């Protein structure tokens, strides 16, 4: 399976993000994709502050 981040989703993440990366790579998010029978659940967790952004499209 291939999961993609669309430009719309990327913009939502940018608008939501308020933390500064703390490692040299700049990585700070964990992406979770869960395929279901009615769509894909998409969640982004900030590794710094532990907030979770639910990007699941309206079912």
N, C-alpha and C. Protein backbone atom coordinates (compact mmCIF):
# COMPACT_ATOMS: atom_id res chain seq x y z
N UNK A 1 0.84 -1.18 0.00
CA UNK A 1 0.00 0.00 0.00
C UNK A 1 0.88 1.24 0.00
N UNK A 2 0.40 2.26 -0.64
CA UNK A 2 1.10 3.53 -0.66
C UNK A 2 0.20 4.58 -0.02
N UNK A 3 0.73 5.28 0.95
CA UNK A 3 0.01 6.35 1.61
C UNK A 3 0.67 7.66 1.23
N UNK A 4 -0.12 8.62 0.82
CA UNK A 4 0.44 9.89 0.38
C UNK A 4 -0.10 11.04 1.22
N UNK A 5 0.73 12.04 1.38
CA UNK A 5 0.35 13.28 2.04
C UNK A 5 0.06 14.29 0.94
N UNK A 6 -1.19 14.68 0.81
CA UNK A 6 -1.56 15.65 -0.23
C UNK A 6 -1.13 17.05 0.20
N UNK A 7 -1.17 17.97 -0.73
CA UNK A 7 -0.83 19.37 -0.43
C UNK A 7 -1.78 19.94 0.63
N UNK A 8 -3.06 19.56 0.56
CA UNK A 8 -4.05 20.01 1.54
C UNK A 8 -3.71 19.52 2.94
N UNK A 9 -3.35 18.25 3.06
CA UNK A 9 -2.96 17.67 4.35
C UNK A 9 -1.67 18.32 4.85
N UNK A 10 -0.70 18.50 3.95
CA UNK A 10 0.56 19.13 4.33
C UNK A 10 0.33 20.53 4.89
N UNK A 11 -0.57 21.28 4.29
CA UNK A 11 -0.87 22.63 4.76
C UNK A 11 -1.52 22.60 6.15
N UNK A 12 -2.40 21.63 6.39
CA UNK A 12 -3.02 21.49 7.72
C UNK A 12 -1.96 21.20 8.77
N UNK A 13 -0.98 20.36 8.42
CA UNK A 13 0.10 20.03 9.35
C UNK A 13 0.94 21.28 9.63
N UNK A 14 1.26 22.04 8.59
CA UNK A 14 2.04 23.27 8.77
C UNK A 14 1.31 24.26 9.67
N UNK A 15 0.00 24.41 9.47
CA UNK A 15 -0.79 25.33 10.28
C UNK A 15 -0.86 24.89 11.75
N UNK A 16 -0.88 23.59 11.99
CA UNK A 16 -1.00 23.01 13.32
C UNK A 16 0.33 23.02 14.07
N UNK A 17 1.43 22.90 13.35
CA UNK A 17 2.77 22.74 13.93
C UNK A 17 3.24 24.02 14.62
N UNK A 18 3.69 23.89 15.87
CA UNK A 18 4.23 25.04 16.58
C UNK A 18 5.53 24.70 17.32
N UNK A 19 6.04 23.48 17.18
CA UNK A 19 7.24 23.05 17.89
C UNK A 19 8.47 23.16 17.01
N UNK A 20 9.60 23.38 17.65
CA UNK A 20 10.89 23.41 16.96
C UNK A 20 11.53 22.04 17.07
N UNK A 21 12.12 21.54 15.97
CA UNK A 21 12.78 20.23 16.04
C UNK A 21 13.95 20.27 17.02
N UNK A 22 14.20 19.16 17.69
CA UNK A 22 15.27 19.13 18.67
C UNK A 22 16.44 18.25 18.25
N UNK A 23 16.35 17.58 17.12
CA UNK A 23 17.50 16.80 16.66
C UNK A 23 18.03 17.36 15.35
N UNK A 24 19.15 16.88 14.93
CA UNK A 24 19.84 17.42 13.75
C UNK A 24 19.08 17.18 12.44
N UNK A 25 18.26 16.15 12.40
CA UNK A 25 17.55 15.82 11.15
C UNK A 25 16.31 16.67 10.94
N UNK A 26 15.81 17.29 12.01
CA UNK A 26 14.59 18.07 11.90
C UNK A 26 13.33 17.24 11.99
N UNK A 27 13.48 15.93 12.21
CA UNK A 27 12.32 15.04 12.31
C UNK A 27 11.61 15.28 13.63
N UNK A 28 10.27 15.33 13.58
CA UNK A 28 9.53 15.52 14.82
C UNK A 28 8.13 14.95 14.78
N UNK A 29 7.74 14.29 13.70
CA UNK A 29 6.39 13.76 13.58
C UNK A 29 6.38 12.25 13.38
N UNK A 30 5.36 11.61 13.96
CA UNK A 30 5.08 10.20 13.70
C UNK A 30 3.75 10.17 12.94
N UNK A 31 3.75 9.56 11.78
CA UNK A 31 2.55 9.46 10.95
C UNK A 31 1.94 8.07 11.11
N UNK A 32 0.63 8.01 11.31
CA UNK A 32 -0.08 6.74 11.43
C UNK A 32 -1.17 6.70 10.37
N UNK A 33 -1.15 5.65 9.55
CA UNK A 33 -2.15 5.43 8.53
C UNK A 33 -2.83 4.10 8.83
N UNK A 34 -4.16 4.13 8.99
CA UNK A 34 -4.92 2.91 9.29
C UNK A 34 -6.00 2.74 8.23
N UNK A 35 -5.81 1.80 7.30
CA UNK A 35 -6.84 1.57 6.30
C UNK A 35 -8.04 0.86 6.93
N UNK A 36 -9.25 1.33 6.61
CA UNK A 36 -10.48 0.71 7.09
C UNK A 36 -11.40 0.47 5.90
N UNK A 37 -12.52 -0.11 6.14
CA UNK A 37 -13.48 -0.36 5.08
C UNK A 37 -14.16 0.90 4.56
N UNK A 38 -14.11 1.98 5.33
CA UNK A 38 -14.79 3.21 4.92
C UNK A 38 -13.82 4.35 4.59
N UNK A 39 -12.53 4.10 4.67
CA UNK A 39 -11.55 5.14 4.35
C UNK A 39 -10.27 4.89 5.11
N UNK A 40 -9.40 5.90 5.14
CA UNK A 40 -8.11 5.79 5.81
C UNK A 40 -8.07 6.76 6.98
N UNK A 41 -7.75 6.23 8.15
CA UNK A 41 -7.54 7.06 9.32
C UNK A 41 -6.11 7.57 9.24
N UNK A 42 -5.93 8.89 9.33
CA UNK A 42 -4.61 9.49 9.27
C UNK A 42 -4.41 10.34 10.52
N UNK A 43 -3.35 10.04 11.27
CA UNK A 43 -3.02 10.81 12.46
C UNK A 43 -1.55 11.19 12.43
N UNK A 44 -1.26 12.39 12.93
CA UNK A 44 0.10 12.87 13.03
C UNK A 44 0.35 13.21 14.49
N UNK A 45 1.43 12.66 15.06
CA UNK A 45 1.76 12.96 16.45
C UNK A 45 3.09 13.70 16.48
N UNK A 46 3.13 14.79 17.24
CA UNK A 46 4.36 15.54 17.43
C UNK A 46 5.19 14.80 18.47
N UNK A 47 6.43 14.45 18.12
CA UNK A 47 7.30 13.73 19.04
C UNK A 47 7.83 14.63 20.16
N UNK A 48 7.66 15.93 20.03
CA UNK A 48 8.17 16.86 21.03
C UNK A 48 7.12 17.12 22.11
N UNK A 49 5.92 17.55 21.71
CA UNK A 49 4.89 17.91 22.70
C UNK A 49 3.81 16.83 22.85
N UNK A 50 3.85 15.79 22.02
CA UNK A 50 2.92 14.65 22.07
C UNK A 50 1.49 14.96 21.66
N UNK A 51 1.24 16.14 21.09
CA UNK A 51 -0.11 16.43 20.58
C UNK A 51 -0.38 15.55 19.36
N UNK A 52 -1.67 15.28 19.12
CA UNK A 52 -2.06 14.46 17.98
C UNK A 52 -3.03 15.25 17.11
N UNK A 53 -2.77 15.24 15.81
CA UNK A 53 -3.64 15.87 14.82
C UNK A 53 -4.33 14.77 14.04
N UNK A 54 -5.65 14.75 14.06
CA UNK A 54 -6.42 13.75 13.33
C UNK A 54 -6.78 14.35 11.96
N UNK A 55 -6.26 13.77 10.90
CA UNK A 55 -6.49 14.26 9.55
C UNK A 55 -7.45 13.37 8.76
N UNK A 56 -8.18 12.52 9.47
CA UNK A 56 -9.12 11.63 8.82
C UNK A 56 -10.20 12.46 8.13
N UNK A 57 -10.43 12.16 6.86
CA UNK A 57 -11.47 12.87 6.11
C UNK A 57 -12.83 12.56 6.70
N UNK A 58 -13.76 13.48 6.56
CA UNK A 58 -15.12 13.27 7.06
C UNK A 58 -15.73 12.02 6.42
N UNK A 59 -16.22 11.12 7.24
CA UNK A 59 -16.84 9.89 6.74
C UNK A 59 -18.27 10.17 6.65
